[in-house]
C-alpha atoms as a PDB file:
ATOM      1  CA  MET A   1     129.271  64.279  75.792  1.00  0.00           C
ATOM      2  CA  ASN A   2     130.622  66.457  78.782  1.00  0.00           C
ATOM      3  CA  PHE A   3     132.132  65.216  81.940  1.00  0.00           C
ATOM      4  CA  LEU A   4     129.039  64.295  83.840  1.00  0.00           C
ATOM      5  CA  ALA A   5     127.941  62.148  80.866  1.00  0.00           C
ATOM      6  CA  HIS A   6     131.507  60.423  80.990  1.00  0.00           C
ATOM      7  CA  LEU A   7     131.511  60.144  84.791  1.00  0.00           C
ATOM      8  CA  PHE A   8     128.186  58.554  84.885  1.00  0.00           C
ATOM      9  CA  LEU A   9     129.064  56.012  81.974  1.00  0.00           C
ATOM     10  CA  SER A  10     131.976  54.723  83.950  1.00  0.00           C
ATOM     11  CA  GLY A  11     130.038  53.149  86.472  1.00  0.00           C
ATOM     12  CA  GLU A  12     131.024  53.041  90.239  1.00  0.00           C
ATOM     13  CA  PRO A  13     133.672  55.109  91.246  1.00  0.00           C
ATOM     14  CA  SER A  14     136.702  53.125  89.975  1.00  0.00           C
ATOM     15  CA  GLU A  15     140.193  54.078  88.175  1.00  0.00           C
ATOM     16  CA  LEU A  16     138.171  53.525  84.931  1.00  0.00           C
ATOM     17  CA  MET A  17     136.318  56.660  86.122  1.00  0.00           C
ATOM     18  CA  VAL A  18     139.401  58.357  86.739  1.00  0.00           C
ATOM     19  CA  GLY A  19     140.674  57.507  83.160  1.00  0.00           C
ATOM     20  CA  ASN A  20     137.498  58.764  81.664  1.00  0.00           C
ATOM     21  CA  PHE A  21     137.705  62.140  83.784  1.00  0.00           C
ATOM     22  CA  ILE A  22     141.482  62.838  82.841  1.00  0.00           C
ATOM     23  CA  ALA A  23     141.109  61.292  78.917  1.00  0.00           C
ATOM     24  CA  ASP A  24     141.074  64.833  77.158  1.00  0.00           C
ATOM     25  CA  SER A  25     144.390  65.969  78.888  1.00  0.00           C
ATOM     26  CA  VAL A  26     146.175  62.704  78.140  1.00  0.00           C
ATOM     27  CA  LYS A  27     147.932  62.457  74.785  1.00  0.00           C
ATOM     28  CA  GLY A  28     149.670  59.877  72.589  1.00  0.00           C
ATOM     29  CA  SER A  29     151.948  57.647  74.521  1.00  0.00           C
ATOM     30  CA  ALA A  30     151.337  59.383  77.798  1.00  0.00           C
ATOM     31  CA  THR A  31     148.430  56.867  78.134  1.00  0.00           C
ATOM     32  CA  ASP A  32     151.030  54.333  79.275  1.00  0.00           C
ATOM     33  CA  ASN A  33     151.992  56.260  82.134  1.00  0.00           C
ATOM     34  CA  PHE A  34     148.622  55.067  83.841  1.00  0.00           C
ATOM     35  CA  SER A  35     147.345  51.855  85.388  1.00  0.00           C
ATOM     36  CA  GLU A  36     145.761  49.516  83.010  1.00  0.00           C
ATOM     37  CA  GLU A  37     142.292  50.319  84.449  1.00  0.00           C
ATOM     38  CA  ILE A  38     142.912  54.024  84.022  1.00  0.00           C
ATOM     39  CA  GLN A  39     143.928  53.109  80.194  1.00  0.00           C
ATOM     40  CA  LYS A  40     140.854  51.560  79.902  1.00  0.00           C
ATOM     41  CA  GLY A  41     138.911  54.560  81.347  1.00  0.00           C
ATOM     42  CA  ILE A  42     140.883  56.794  78.596  1.00  0.00           C
ATOM     43  CA  ARG A  43     139.947  54.344  75.936  1.00  0.00           C
ATOM     44  CA  LEU A  44     136.182  54.478  76.903  1.00  0.00           C
ATOM     45  CA  HIS A  45     136.045  58.263  76.681  1.00  0.00           C
ATOM     46  CA  ARG A  46     137.469  58.232  73.371  1.00  0.00           C
ATOM     47  CA  ALA A  47     134.819  55.539  72.350  1.00  0.00           C
ATOM     48  CA  ILE A  48     132.178  57.485  73.902  1.00  0.00           C
ATOM     49  CA  ASP A  49     133.498  60.617  72.005  1.00  0.00           C
ATOM     50  CA  THR A  50     133.473  58.665  68.611  1.00  0.00           C
ATOM     51  CA  PHE A  51     129.979  57.253  69.240  1.00  0.00           C
ATOM     52  CA  THR A  52     128.384  60.784  70.188  1.00  0.00           C
ATOM     53  CA  ASP A  53     129.947  62.616  67.484  1.00  0.00           C
ATOM     54  CA  SER A  54     128.041  60.320  64.814  1.00  0.00           C
ATOM     55  CA  HIS A  55     124.875  59.957  66.468  1.00  0.00           C
ATOM     56  CA  ALA A  56     121.835  61.517  64.413  1.00  0.00           C
ATOM     57  CA  GLU A  57     120.310  63.167  67.328  1.00  0.00           C
ATOM     58  CA  MET A  58     123.461  64.967  68.562  1.00  0.00           C
ATOM     59  CA  LEU A  59     124.040  66.059  64.905  1.00  0.00           C
ATOM     60  CA  LYS A  60     120.463  67.467  64.893  1.00  0.00           C
ATOM     61  CA  SER A  61     121.487  69.344  68.069  1.00  0.00           C
ATOM     62  CA  LYS A  62     124.767  70.540  66.787  1.00  0.00           C
ATOM     63  CA  GLU A  63     123.379  71.669  63.550  1.00  0.00           C
ATOM     64  CA  ARG A  64     120.962  73.870  65.237  1.00  0.00           C
ATOM     65  CA  LEU A  65     123.801  75.684  67.088  1.00  0.00           C
ATOM     66  CA  ARG A  66     126.174  75.667  64.324  1.00  0.00           C
ATOM     67  CA  PRO A  67     125.156  78.581  62.334  1.00  0.00           C
ATOM     68  CA  ARG A  68     125.743  80.915  65.490  1.00  0.00           C
ATOM     69  CA  TYR A  69     128.515  79.160  67.202  1.00  0.00           C
ATOM     70  CA  LYS A  70     130.296  77.228  64.389  1.00  0.00           C
ATOM     71  CA  LYS A  71     133.036  75.216  65.687  1.00  0.00           C
ATOM     72  CA  TYR A  72     131.899  75.435  69.411  1.00  0.00           C
ATOM     73  CA  ALA A  73     128.562  73.835  68.463  1.00  0.00           C
ATOM     74  CA  PRO A  74     129.716  70.297  69.423  1.00  0.00           C
ATOM     75  CA  VAL A  75     130.901  71.437  72.829  1.00  0.00           C
ATOM     76  CA  ILE A  76     127.831  73.599  73.630  1.00  0.00           C
ATOM     77  CA  THR A  77     125.740  70.683  72.942  1.00  0.00           C
ATOM     78  CA  ASP A  78     127.757  68.353  75.130  1.00  0.00           C
ATOM     79  CA  ILE A  79     127.179  70.647  77.873  1.00  0.00           C
ATOM     80  CA  PHE A  80     123.437  70.905  77.174  1.00  0.00           C
ATOM     81  CA  TYR A  81     123.117  67.153  77.281  1.00  0.00           C
ATOM     82  CA  ASP A  82     125.006  67.102  80.533  1.00  0.00           C
ATOM     83  CA  HIS A  83     122.039  69.450  81.527  1.00  0.00           C
ATOM     84  CA  PHE A  84     119.694  66.876  80.557  1.00  0.00           C
ATOM     85  CA  LEU A  85     121.206  64.178  82.267  1.00  0.00           C
ATOM     86  CA  ALA A  86     121.454  66.194  85.579  1.00  0.00           C
ATOM     87  CA  THR A  87     117.713  67.318  85.387  1.00  0.00           C
ATOM     88  CA  HIS A  88     116.434  63.872  84.504  1.00  0.00           C
ATOM     89  CA  TRP A  89     118.835  62.021  86.706  1.00  0.00           C
ATOM     90  CA  GLN A  90     116.186  59.764  88.158  1.00  0.00           C
ATOM     91  CA  ASP A  91     115.274  58.306  84.990  1.00  0.00           C
ATOM     92  CA  TYR A  92     119.141  56.749  84.938  1.00  0.00           C
ATOM     93  CA  SER A  93     120.080  56.493  88.786  1.00  0.00           C
ATOM     94  CA  THR A  94     118.742  55.293  91.910  1.00  0.00           C
ATOM     95  CA  ILE A  95     121.133  57.341  93.877  1.00  0.00           C
ATOM     96  CA  SER A  96     120.237  61.063  94.263  1.00  0.00           C
ATOM     97  CA  PHE A  97     122.292  63.644  92.284  1.00  0.00           C
ATOM     98  CA  ARG A  98     123.590  65.273  95.210  1.00  0.00           C
ATOM     99  CA  ASP A  99     124.887  61.927  96.720  1.00  0.00           C
ATOM    100  CA  TYR A 100     126.152  60.977  93.409  1.00  0.00           C
ATOM    101  CA  THR A 101     128.100  64.275  92.723  1.00  0.00           C
ATOM    102  CA  ASN A 102     129.598  64.292  96.409  1.00  0.00           C
ATOM    103  CA  GLN A 103     130.507  60.793  95.869  1.00  0.00           C
ATOM    104  CA  VAL A 104     132.600  61.546  92.323  1.00  0.00           C
ATOM    105  CA  TYR A 105     134.161  64.689  93.834  1.00  0.00           C
ATOM    106  CA  LYS A 106     135.441  62.667  97.045  1.00  0.00           C
ATOM    107  CA  TYR A 107     136.506  59.722  95.038  1.00  0.00           C
ATOM    108  CA  LEU A 108     138.527  61.746  92.302  1.00  0.00           C
ATOM    109  CA  GLU A 109     140.357  63.810  94.982  1.00  0.00           C
ATOM    110  CA  LYS A 110     142.196  60.364  95.779  1.00  0.00           C
ATOM    111  CA  TYR A 111     143.712  60.614  92.304  1.00  0.00           C
ATOM    112  CA  HIS A 112     144.414  64.157  92.073  1.00  0.00           C
ATOM    113  CA  ALA A 113     148.069  64.199  92.420  1.00  0.00           C
ATOM    114  CA  ILE A 114     148.356  61.764  89.208  1.00  0.00           C
ATOM    115  CA  PHE A 115     145.993  63.872  87.131  1.00  0.00           C
ATOM    116  CA  PRO A 116     147.719  65.817  84.157  1.00  0.00           C
ATOM    117  CA  GLU A 117     147.822  69.577  85.090  1.00  0.00           C
ATOM    118  CA  ARG A 118     144.999  70.456  82.850  1.00  0.00           C
ATOM    119  CA  SER A 119     142.881  67.908  84.499  1.00  0.00           C
ATOM    120  CA  GLN A 120     143.918  69.069  88.083  1.00  0.00           C
ATOM    121  CA  GLN A 121     143.121  72.638  87.027  1.00  0.00           C
ATOM    122  CA  PHE A 122     139.490  71.325  86.067  1.00  0.00           C
ATOM    123  CA  TYR A 123     138.899  69.285  89.210  1.00  0.00           C
ATOM    124  CA  ASN A 124     139.941  72.376  91.213  1.00  0.00           C
ATOM    125  CA  TYR A 125     137.435  74.454  89.375  1.00  0.00           C
ATOM    126  CA  MET A 126     134.742  71.696  89.317  1.00  0.00           C
ATOM    127  CA  ILE A 127     135.023  71.535  93.370  1.00  0.00           C
ATOM    128  CA  LYS A 128     135.160  75.365  93.910  1.00  0.00           C
ATOM    129  CA  TYR A 129     132.033  75.997  91.689  1.00  0.00           C
ATOM    130  CA  ASP A 130     130.305  72.423  92.190  1.00  0.00           C
ATOM    131  CA  ILE A 131     130.199  72.370  88.536  1.00  0.00           C
ATOM    132  CA  LEU A 132     128.496  68.819  88.302  1.00  0.00           C
ATOM    133  CA  PHE A 133     125.384  69.975  90.592  1.00  0.00           C
ATOM    134  CA  ALA A 134     125.349  73.449  88.574  1.00  0.00           C
ATOM    135  CA  TYR A 135     124.374  71.452  85.590  1.00  0.00           C
ATOM    136  CA  THR A 136     120.789  71.021  86.940  1.00  0.00           C
ATOM    137  CA  LYS A 137     119.993  74.957  86.438  1.00  0.00           C
ATOM    138  CA  ILE A 138     120.175  77.188  83.271  1.00  0.00           C
ATOM    139  CA  GLU A 139     122.319  79.751  85.284  1.00  0.00           C
ATOM    140  CA  GLY A 140     124.683  76.889  86.289  1.00  0.00           C
ATOM    141  CA  ILE A 141     125.016  76.384  82.527  1.00  0.00           C
ATOM    142  CA  GLU A 142     125.218  80.024  81.815  1.00  0.00           C
ATOM    143  CA  LYS A 143     128.083  80.266  84.268  1.00  0.00           C
ATOM    144  CA  VAL A 144     129.980  77.278  82.749  1.00  0.00           C
ATOM    145  CA  MET A 145     129.649  78.746  79.156  1.00  0.00           C
ATOM    146  CA  GLN A 146     130.507  82.140  80.475  1.00  0.00           C
ATOM    147  CA  GLY A 147     134.152  80.444  81.803  1.00  0.00           C
ATOM    148  CA  MET A 148     134.708  78.449  78.652  1.00  0.00           C
ATOM    149  CA  SER A 149     134.220  81.593  76.575  1.00  0.00           C
ATOM    150  CA  ARG A 150     136.889  83.370  78.575  1.00  0.00           C
ATOM    151  CA  ARG A 151     139.320  80.466  78.072  1.00  0.00           C
ATOM    152  CA  ALA A 152     138.538  80.155  74.357  1.00  0.00           C
ATOM    153  CA  HIS A 153     141.229  80.946  72.009  1.00  0.00           C
ATOM    154  CA  PHE A 154     138.832  82.642  69.516  1.00  0.00           C
ATOM    155  CA  ILE A 155     135.809  84.515  69.967  1.00  0.00           C
ATOM    156  CA  SER A 156     133.178  82.041  70.721  1.00  0.00           C
ATOM    157  CA  GLY A 157     129.949  83.456  71.724  1.00  0.00           C
ATOM    158  CA  MET A 158     129.419  80.771  73.971  1.00  0.00           C
ATOM    159  CA  GLU A 159     128.340  82.992  76.776  1.00  0.00           C
ATOM    160  CA  THR A 160     125.212  83.574  74.946  1.00  0.00           C
ATOM    161  CA  ALA A 161     124.495  79.724  74.335  1.00  0.00           C
ATOM    162  CA  THR A 162     122.117  79.341  77.149  1.00  0.00           C
ATOM    163  CA  GLU A 163     119.477  81.687  74.947  1.00  0.00           C
ATOM    164  CA  GLU A 164     119.731  78.866  72.460  1.00  0.00           C
ATOM    165  CA  LEU A 165     119.074  76.142  74.935  1.00  0.00           C
ATOM    166  CA  VAL A 166     115.936  78.089  76.594  1.00  0.00           C
ATOM    167  CA  LYS A 167     114.589  78.802  72.795  1.00  0.00           C
ATOM    168  CA  SER A 168     114.631  75.296  71.764  1.00  0.00           C
ATOM    169  CA  TYR A 169     114.572  73.546  75.304  1.00  0.00           C
ATOM    170  CA  ASP A 170     112.162  70.804  74.214  1.00  0.00           C
ATOM    171  CA  ASP A 171     114.006  70.214  70.930  1.00  0.00           C
ATOM    172  CA  PHE A 172     117.219  69.614  72.528  1.00  0.00           C
ATOM    173  CA  LYS A 173     115.726  67.604  75.413  1.00  0.00           C
ATOM    174  CA  ALA A 174     113.840  65.224  73.118  1.00  0.00           C
ATOM    175  CA  GLU A 175     117.255  64.515  71.013  1.00  0.00           C
ATOM    176  CA  PHE A 176     119.140  63.836  74.345  1.00  0.00           C
ATOM    177  CA  LYS A 177     116.220  61.506  75.215  1.00  0.00           C
ATOM    178  CA  LEU A 178     116.697  59.546  72.107  1.00  0.00           C
ATOM    179  CA  PHE A 179     120.315  59.718  72.165  1.00  0.00           C
ATOM    180  CA  PHE A 180     121.071  58.598  75.843  1.00  0.00           C
ATOM    181  CA  PRO A 181     119.855  55.149  75.916  1.00  0.00           C
ATOM    182  CA  ASP A 182     121.694  54.366  72.666  1.00  0.00           C
ATOM    183  CA  LEU A 183     124.974  55.565  74.112  1.00  0.00           C
ATOM    184  CA  GLN A 184     124.403  53.527  77.326  1.00  0.00           C
ATOM    185  CA  LYS A 185     123.789  50.346  75.314  1.00  0.00           C
ATOM    186  CA  HIS A 186     126.886  51.271  73.262  1.00  0.00           C
ATOM    187  CA  VAL A 187     128.968  51.702  76.463  1.00  0.00           C
ATOM    188  CA  TYR A 188     127.383  48.544  77.963  1.00  0.00           C
ATOM    189  CA  GLU A 189     128.574  46.635  74.955  1.00  0.00           C
ATOM    190  CA  ILE A 190     132.261  48.238  75.213  1.00  0.00           C
ATOM    191  CA  LYS A 191     132.600  46.999  78.885  1.00  0.00           C
ATOM    192  CA  GLN A 192     131.554  43.367  78.149  1.00  0.00           C
ATOM    193  CA  HIS A 193     134.504  42.950  75.793  1.00  0.00           C
END
């Protein structure tokens, strides 16, 4: 999953959320540099990724994209799924999506100084362009994809990915709707241990 789902699955703003947010920028023993709760968030992020990567519905979505986007198919699918979480927010949360994004931005800002450099850069970009809220619109997804395509080390074609989203919108949405409750259940079980 991409940033929105990771943040949402962390629950209330907490250091668990901070760890979930920075996890992709923390490698190996660097995890030990953070508080126990942030470390739990990093581990949660990795558990979410592992579950997501092998889920049947996610695999269907990725396979639809793979012929055109090859190794970037999983990244694109993650962002598409964040779009569906954002556009169906009321199915998963009682707080408005605008209030939620503002709350998350404000909470994470308190930890900005301890973020790894890559996470600091992404946080600044996320705030500047209101990325989480941008996920609600196809145009917002398109801008995110264009930015990712510019930063990719190889030609990715991600800047055209919203064409696939529009073309197979109902399929991606149906797969997300089957996948996400399973992921929520999995995260709930992890948090109980």
